[in-house]
Protein backbone atom coordinates (compact mmCIF):
# COMPACT_ATOMS: atom_id res chain seq x y z
CA MET A 1 -41.29 -12.40 -19.01
CA ASP A 2 -44.05 -13.60 -21.40
CA THR A 3 -43.52 -17.38 -21.33
CA ARG A 4 -46.14 -17.91 -24.03
CA LEU A 5 -44.11 -15.75 -26.41
CA SER A 6 -40.95 -17.63 -25.56
CA LEU A 7 -42.60 -20.98 -26.17
CA ALA A 8 -43.97 -19.73 -29.44
CA ALA A 9 -40.55 -18.57 -30.48
CA LEU A 10 -39.11 -21.98 -29.64
CA LEU A 11 -41.86 -23.72 -31.58
CA THR A 12 -41.13 -21.57 -34.62
CA LEU A 13 -37.42 -22.34 -34.28
CA SER A 14 -38.15 -26.07 -34.14
CA LEU A 15 -40.04 -25.87 -37.38
CA LEU A 16 -37.22 -23.99 -39.12
CA CYS A 17 -34.29 -26.09 -37.83
CA PRO A 18 -33.69 -29.82 -37.49
CA VAL A 19 -34.12 -31.12 -33.97
CA GLN A 20 -30.48 -32.20 -33.61
CA SER A 21 -29.17 -28.69 -34.42
CA TRP A 22 -30.72 -27.09 -31.32
CA ALA A 23 -30.81 -30.07 -28.98
CA VAL A 24 -27.05 -29.90 -28.25
CA PRO A 25 -27.14 -26.46 -26.57
CA VAL A 26 -30.03 -27.66 -24.43
CA ARG A 27 -27.91 -30.55 -23.14
CA SER A 28 -25.12 -28.07 -22.23
CA LEU A 29 -27.42 -26.60 -19.59
CA GLN A 30 -27.05 -29.70 -17.46
CA SER A 31 -24.24 -28.03 -15.45
CA GLU A 32 -26.47 -25.16 -14.36
CA SER A 33 -26.81 -26.39 -10.77
CA ASP A 34 -23.04 -26.91 -10.46
CA TYR A 35 -22.46 -23.40 -11.78
CA GLY A 36 -24.67 -22.03 -9.04
CA GLN A 37 -22.63 -23.95 -6.47
CA LEU A 38 -19.39 -22.44 -7.81
CA ILE A 39 -20.84 -18.95 -7.55
CA SER A 40 -21.74 -19.66 -3.95
CA LYS A 41 -18.22 -20.93 -3.16
CA ARG A 42 -16.69 -17.88 -4.81
CA GLN A 43 -18.85 -15.66 -2.63
CA VAL A 44 -17.70 -17.48 0.50
CA VAL A 45 -14.03 -17.13 -0.49
CA ASP A 46 -14.51 -13.45 -1.25
CA GLN A 47 -16.18 -12.95 2.12
CA LEU A 48 -13.35 -14.73 3.97
CA LEU A 49 -10.71 -12.66 2.21
CA GLY A 50 -12.68 -9.49 2.86
CA GLU A 51 -12.76 -10.38 6.54
CA ALA A 52 -9.01 -11.04 6.46
CA ARG A 53 -8.49 -7.56 5.03
CA GLN A 54 -10.69 -5.98 7.71
CA ILE A 55 -8.94 -7.85 10.52
CA TYR A 56 -5.56 -6.87 9.10
CA ASP A 57 -6.57 -3.21 9.12
CA SER A 58 -8.38 -3.07 12.46
CA PRO A 59 -6.90 -2.05 14.72
CA ALA A 60 -4.33 -1.00 12.12
CA ARG A 61 -2.12 1.11 14.33
CA VAL A 62 -1.47 1.69 18.01
CA SER A 63 -0.27 5.23 18.59
CA ASP A 64 0.80 5.11 22.22
CA ALA A 65 4.34 4.08 23.18
CA GLY A 66 5.39 4.44 19.57
CA PHE A 67 4.14 1.01 18.57
CA THR A 68 3.05 0.97 14.93
CA ALA A 69 2.92 -2.73 14.06
CA LYS A 70 0.00 -5.07 13.49
CA MET A 71 -1.28 -6.81 16.61
CA PRO A 72 -0.16 -10.47 16.76
CA SER A 73 -3.67 -11.65 17.64
CA ASN A 74 -4.91 -9.96 14.47
CA MET A 75 -2.42 -11.92 12.41
CA GLU A 76 -3.65 -15.23 13.85
CA LEU A 77 -7.17 -14.34 12.77
CA VAL A 78 -5.89 -13.30 9.35
CA THR A 79 -4.19 -16.68 9.03
CA SER A 80 -7.35 -18.56 9.96
CA ARG A 81 -9.43 -16.75 7.32
CA LEU A 82 -6.81 -17.37 4.64
CA LEU A 83 -6.63 -21.07 5.44
CA GLU A 84 -10.42 -21.38 5.44
CA ALA A 85 -10.43 -19.85 1.96
CA TYR A 86 -7.67 -22.25 0.90
CA GLN A 87 -9.80 -25.23 1.92
CA LEU A 88 -12.38 -24.07 -0.61
CA GLU A 89 -9.85 -23.19 -3.34
CA PRO A 90 -6.90 -25.59 -2.85
CA TYR A 91 -5.15 -24.43 -6.04
CA ARG A 92 -4.66 -20.95 -4.55
CA THR A 93 -1.03 -21.11 -3.40
CA ASP A 94 -1.16 -17.33 -2.91
CA LEU A 95 -3.40 -17.97 0.10
CA LEU A 96 -0.79 -20.23 1.68
CA ILE A 97 2.00 -17.72 1.01
CA SER A 98 -0.04 -14.96 2.64
CA ALA A 99 -0.83 -17.20 5.62
CA ALA A 100 2.84 -18.15 5.97
CA ASN A 101 3.90 -14.51 6.03
CA ALA A 102 1.28 -13.74 8.68
CA GLN A 103 2.95 -16.44 10.78
CA ILE A 104 6.37 -14.91 10.12
CA TYR A 105 5.00 -11.68 11.50
CA ASN A 106 4.08 -13.52 14.69
CA GLY A 107 7.52 -15.11 14.91
CA LYS A 108 6.23 -18.62 14.23
CA LEU A 109 8.98 -19.69 11.86
CA ASP A 110 8.27 -23.44 11.86
CA ARG A 111 4.57 -22.91 11.12
CA ALA A 112 5.43 -20.59 8.24
CA ILE A 113 7.92 -23.07 6.76
CA ALA A 114 5.30 -25.84 6.96
CA LEU A 115 2.77 -23.72 5.06
CA LEU A 116 5.35 -22.82 2.39
CA ASN A 117 6.26 -26.49 1.94
CA GLN A 118 2.56 -27.29 1.58
CA ALA A 119 2.33 -24.70 -1.19
CA LEU A 120 5.48 -26.09 -2.81
CA THR A 121 3.86 -29.48 -3.32
CA ALA A 122 1.38 -27.77 -5.64
CA ALA A 123 3.92 -25.49 -7.32
CA PRO A 124 7.37 -27.11 -7.00
CA ASP A 125 9.05 -24.65 -9.37
CA ASP A 126 7.65 -21.43 -7.92
CA VAL A 127 10.63 -19.09 -7.52
CA ASP A 128 9.07 -17.07 -4.69
CA LEU A 129 8.30 -20.20 -2.67
CA LEU A 130 11.84 -21.49 -3.17
CA SER A 131 13.20 -18.08 -2.22
CA TYR A 132 11.15 -17.85 0.97
CA LEU A 133 12.26 -21.31 2.04
CA ALA A 134 15.92 -20.47 1.36
CA VAL A 135 15.56 -17.37 3.53
CA TRP A 136 13.62 -18.81 6.46
CA LEU A 137 15.76 -21.94 6.72
CA ARG A 138 18.81 -19.66 6.88
CA VAL A 139 17.19 -17.62 9.65
CA LYS A 140 16.44 -20.86 11.47
CA GLY A 141 20.12 -21.82 11.22
CA ASP A 142 19.74 -24.59 8.64
CA GLU A 143 22.43 -23.45 6.20
CA GLY A 144 22.42 -26.77 4.34
CA GLY A 145 18.69 -26.67 3.68
CA SER A 146 18.90 -23.03 2.70
CA SER A 147 21.66 -23.77 0.18
CA GLN A 148 19.63 -26.55 -1.41
CA TYR A 149 16.74 -24.16 -2.03
CA LEU A 150 19.15 -21.50 -3.31
CA ASP A 151 20.43 -24.02 -5.85
CA ARG A 152 16.85 -24.64 -7.00
CA VAL A 153 16.28 -20.89 -7.26
CA LYS A 154 19.44 -20.57 -9.36
CA ALA A 155 18.24 -23.27 -11.75
CA ARG A 156 15.02 -21.34 -12.34
CA ASN A 157 16.21 -17.74 -12.01
CA PRO A 158 19.96 -17.03 -11.63
CA GLY A 159 19.30 -13.33 -11.10
CA ARG A 160 17.06 -14.00 -8.10
CA GLU A 161 19.66 -16.34 -6.59
CA ALA A 162 22.34 -13.64 -6.95
CA ASP A 163 20.03 -11.07 -5.33
CA LEU A 164 19.33 -13.35 -2.37
CA ARG A 165 23.02 -13.93 -1.81
CA ARG A 166 23.59 -10.17 -1.94
CA LEU A 167 20.75 -9.70 0.54
CA PHE A 168 22.30 -12.28 2.87
CA ALA A 169 25.71 -10.60 2.63
CA THR A 170 24.20 -7.17 3.36
CA ILE A 171 22.39 -8.40 6.45
CA ASP A 172 25.46 -10.28 7.70
CA ARG A 173 27.61 -7.16 7.37
CA VAL A 174 25.13 -4.79 9.00
CA VAL A 175 24.28 -6.99 11.99
CA THR A 176 27.95 -7.70 12.75
CA THR A 177 29.04 -4.04 12.56
CA PRO A 178 29.27 -2.53 16.06
CA LEU A 179 26.67 0.11 16.84
CA LYS A 180 27.93 3.65 17.29
CA GLU A 181 26.34 6.59 19.07
CA ARG A 182 28.23 9.31 17.18
CA ALA A 183 30.05 9.76 13.91
CA GLY A 184 33.76 9.07 13.99
CA ARG A 185 36.25 11.94 14.00
CA ASP A 186 37.59 10.79 10.66
CA GLN A 187 34.14 10.98 9.07
CA ASP A 188 34.47 11.21 5.31
CA LYS A 189 33.38 14.67 4.17
CA THR A 190 33.88 14.17 0.43
CA GLY A 191 31.04 14.03 -2.10
CA ARG A 192 27.39 14.85 -1.56
CA ARG A 193 26.23 13.79 1.87
CA ALA A 194 22.90 13.30 3.63
CA ILE A 195 21.64 12.59 7.13
CA VAL A 196 18.53 10.40 7.17
CA THR A 197 16.47 10.39 10.37
CA LEU A 198 13.64 7.92 10.81
CA GLY A 199 10.48 8.96 12.59
CA TYR A 200 8.83 7.42 15.64
CA ALA A 201 5.11 7.44 16.40
CA LEU A 202 3.81 10.72 17.78
CA ASN A 203 1.72 10.96 20.91
CA PRO A 204 -2.06 11.32 20.34
CA ASP A 205 -1.81 15.10 20.78
CA GLY A 206 0.88 15.33 18.07
CA SER A 207 3.78 15.84 20.46
CA MET A 208 7.04 13.87 20.22
CA SER A 209 8.10 11.03 22.50
CA ASP A 210 11.45 11.04 24.29
CA ILE A 211 12.75 8.46 21.80
CA LEU A 212 12.03 10.71 18.81
CA LEU A 213 13.55 13.69 20.62
CA GLY A 214 16.63 11.57 21.25
CA ARG A 215 16.92 10.76 17.56
CA LEU A 216 16.64 14.45 16.74
CA ASP A 217 19.31 15.42 19.26
CA THR A 218 21.61 12.95 17.52
CA THR A 219 20.62 14.44 14.15
CA ARG A 220 21.31 17.98 15.30
CA ALA A 221 24.81 17.05 16.45
CA LEU A 222 25.55 15.41 13.09
CA ALA A 223 24.10 18.36 11.19
CA LYS A 224 26.23 20.89 13.07
CA ALA A 225 29.35 18.79 12.53
CA ASP A 226 28.63 18.58 8.79
CA PRO A 227 26.97 21.85 7.68
CA GLN A 228 26.87 20.83 4.02
CA ALA A 229 24.89 17.63 4.56
CA LEU A 230 21.30 17.42 3.38
CA ILE A 231 18.84 16.31 6.08
CA ILE A 232 15.97 13.91 5.29
CA VAL A 233 13.31 13.32 7.95
CA SER A 234 10.93 10.45 7.23
CA GLY A 235 7.63 9.60 8.92
CA GLY A 236 4.04 9.98 7.78
CA VAL A 237 1.74 8.52 10.47
CA PRO A 238 -0.44 11.50 11.52
CA GLN A 239 -1.56 12.46 14.99
CA ASN A 240 -3.61 15.58 15.69
CA ARG A 241 -3.19 16.70 12.05
CA LYS A 242 0.60 16.49 12.24
CA THR A 243 3.04 14.01 10.73
CA GLU A 244 6.30 12.86 12.27
CA ALA A 245 8.34 14.43 9.47
CA SER A 246 6.71 17.86 9.78
CA VAL A 247 7.16 17.95 13.56
CA MET A 248 10.76 16.74 13.23
CA ALA A 249 11.56 19.44 10.68
CA ASP A 250 10.02 22.16 12.85
CA TRP A 251 12.04 21.02 15.85
CA LEU A 252 15.33 21.06 13.91
CA VAL A 253 14.59 24.56 12.60
CA SER A 254 13.83 25.71 16.15
CA LYS A 255 17.31 24.49 17.13
CA GLY A 256 19.07 26.53 14.47
CA ILE A 257 19.12 24.18 11.46
CA SER A 258 18.28 25.92 8.19
CA ARG A 259 15.01 24.74 6.71
CA SER A 260 16.61 24.86 3.26
CA ARG A 261 18.68 21.81 4.25
CA ILE A 262 15.67 19.73 5.27
CA ILE A 263 13.53 17.47 3.08
CA GLU A 264 10.36 16.00 4.61
CA ASP A 265 8.94 12.60 3.73
CA ASN A 266 5.42 12.91 5.09
CA TYR A 267 4.12 9.68 3.56
CA ALA A 268 6.07 6.73 4.98
CA THR A 269 4.06 4.65 7.47
CA SER A 270 6.59 1.86 8.07
CA THR A 271 10.33 1.25 8.01
CA VAL A 272 9.96 -0.32 4.56
CA GLU A 273 8.32 2.85 3.27
CA ASN A 274 10.95 4.97 5.05
CA ALA A 275 13.59 3.16 3.03
CA LEU A 276 11.80 3.20 -0.32
CA ASN A 277 10.84 6.88 -0.13
CA THR A 278 14.25 7.97 1.14
CA ALA A 279 16.02 6.06 -1.65
CA TRP A 280 14.23 8.22 -4.21
CA VAL A 281 15.36 11.38 -2.43
CA LEU A 282 18.95 10.16 -2.31
CA ALA A 283 18.81 9.35 -6.02
CA ARG A 284 17.25 12.72 -6.88
CA HIS A 285 20.08 14.57 -5.12
CA GLN A 286 22.83 12.17 -6.23
CA ILE A 287 24.02 11.57 -2.68
CA ASP A 288 27.38 9.80 -2.33
CA LYS A 289 27.15 9.03 1.37
CA ALA A 290 24.19 8.78 3.75
CA THR A 291 24.23 8.44 7.53
CA LEU A 292 21.05 6.94 8.95
CA VAL A 293 19.85 7.90 12.43
CA SER A 294 17.47 5.76 14.44
CA SER A 295 17.18 4.09 17.82
CA ALA A 296 19.85 1.54 18.68
CA SER A 297 17.23 -1.22 18.79
CA HIS A 298 16.02 -0.31 15.29
CA VAL A 299 18.97 1.13 13.40
CA ARG A 300 20.24 -2.16 11.96
CA ARG A 301 16.90 -2.83 10.31
CA GLY A 302 16.72 0.74 9.03
CA GLN A 303 20.20 0.61 7.50
CA THR A 304 19.64 -2.80 5.89
CA LEU A 305 16.41 -1.70 4.25
CA LEU A 306 17.84 1.59 3.03
CA GLU A 307 20.76 -0.20 1.39
CA ILE A 308 18.42 -2.66 -0.34
CA ALA A 309 16.08 0.12 -1.47
CA CYS A 310 19.03 1.88 -3.09
CA TRP A 311 19.82 -1.20 -5.19
CA GLN A 312 16.95 -0.33 -7.51
CA THR A 313 17.01 3.48 -7.42
CA GLY A 314 20.68 4.25 -6.91
CA PRO A 315 22.71 6.33 -6.60
CA ALA A 316 25.21 3.73 -7.77
CA ASN A 317 27.93 2.99 -5.21
CA ILE A 318 26.27 5.04 -2.47
CA ARG A 319 27.87 4.45 0.96
CA ILE A 320 25.53 4.11 3.92
CA ASP A 321 26.39 3.97 7.61
CA SER A 322 24.37 4.60 10.77
CA VAL A 323 24.46 6.37 14.13
CA SER A 324 22.27 5.20 17.00
CA TYR A 325 20.30 7.00 19.66
CA PRO A 326 20.65 4.68 22.69
CA ASP A 327 17.03 3.91 23.51
CA LYS A 328 18.56 0.89 25.22
CA PRO A 329 22.15 0.46 26.44
CA VAL A 330 24.21 -0.20 23.31
CA SER A 331 26.17 -2.87 25.17
CA SER A 332 22.95 -4.88 25.62
CA LEU A 333 22.37 -4.79 21.87
CA ALA A 334 25.82 -5.94 20.80
CA ARG A 335 24.38 -9.29 19.76
CA VAL A 336 21.36 -9.39 17.47
CA GLU A 337 18.47 -11.24 19.08
CA ALA A 338 16.46 -13.81 17.12
CA GLY A 339 13.33 -11.64 17.00
CA GLU A 340 15.23 -8.64 15.65
CA LEU A 341 16.96 -10.76 13.03
CA LEU A 342 13.65 -12.23 11.88
CA GLY A 343 12.25 -8.73 11.48
CA ILE A 344 15.27 -7.63 9.47
CA TYR A 345 14.92 -10.53 7.03
CA ARG A 346 11.15 -10.12 6.78
CA ASP A 347 11.34 -6.43 5.94
CA ALA A 348 14.39 -6.92 3.71
CA LEU A 349 12.31 -9.18 1.48
CA ARG A 350 9.46 -6.67 1.44
CA THR A 351 11.82 -3.86 0.50
CA TYR A 352 13.36 -6.03 -2.20
CA GLY A 353 9.89 -6.44 -3.70
CA MET A 354 8.48 -9.75 -2.45
CA TRP A 355 5.03 -8.81 -1.23
CA SER A 356 3.94 -10.50 1.99
CA TYR A 357 0.20 -10.59 1.27
CA ARG A 358 -0.86 -11.32 -2.28
CA SER A 359 -4.46 -12.49 -2.01
CA PRO A 360 -6.85 -9.73 -3.15
CA PRO A 361 -8.24 -7.76 -1.44
CA LEU A 362 -5.50 -8.47 1.11
CA LEU A 363 -2.57 -6.98 -0.78
CA ALA A 364 0.33 -5.55 1.21
CA ARG A 365 4.04 -5.27 0.72
């Protein structure tokens, strides 16, 4: 830059304009050093959130033994990065919500509630914060505290309060319904029907585990007992260039099931996505009744999420039940354990539409 030209231009301007007319903008430059500091802080926050995203994704999946969840140690590191960013930007309640949900994932209910309450002091009328607290206090067994937050939700958003109560009622019904390993003899055969089978992580070579084969055996029995039922297989985590759904469909065809009855969902990578994608298929085919097939230790969560997913897409008044493959003795699963119940509520909220992580670039349902 030619500084002599710039100075000359300024000198000319000073001759043409009164001093006071151009002195004011000069004084506005006094915040220049503070502006540089803000840029630096923004860069630090962006770096912390970028690291949180990377940690969340890596390792993103574990393919052996069918485990497809985030590693708990990863979620602790995600939490630490989010809270470091919050210290720099204390108005960012989204950071606290994301950190709280990371703690929910690790089963640390009290820590999550503390973080949500901290966020509530900054945003006391936030409907999502009030909703989360109503849910997690209910899971903890504090019905009174949960009801108080539900009342506050109702004052702000009556529709949300009604949805939460419906969600609670759905979970209560599903978790108290006895598990069954086969459809009853009096199975209702009226209307359009579908069998929905959830996938299970493939082995690294693309072959199926015994658990997935067990689910498919259960599916085959249901399909033969109800030849008119549509069959939906859902699972999109690939191994050796194969998805769960494609391998499941091939296996059913090899056992005599017509491929024309089978619809593959090759995109779902979680139980939440299983439910959301399947709901669209059920709506497209105007299904009246769906029977969900999964492992006994997982089927309650699968049924709950599928019912919630159908709230938005329909079909209206669809009836959903479930049949379990006994990956564990059904008698040992008669009572829902605390960890399973927490997972059901967590994923029910995600399916309903309350995103767990809402701090860009860490955005995840």
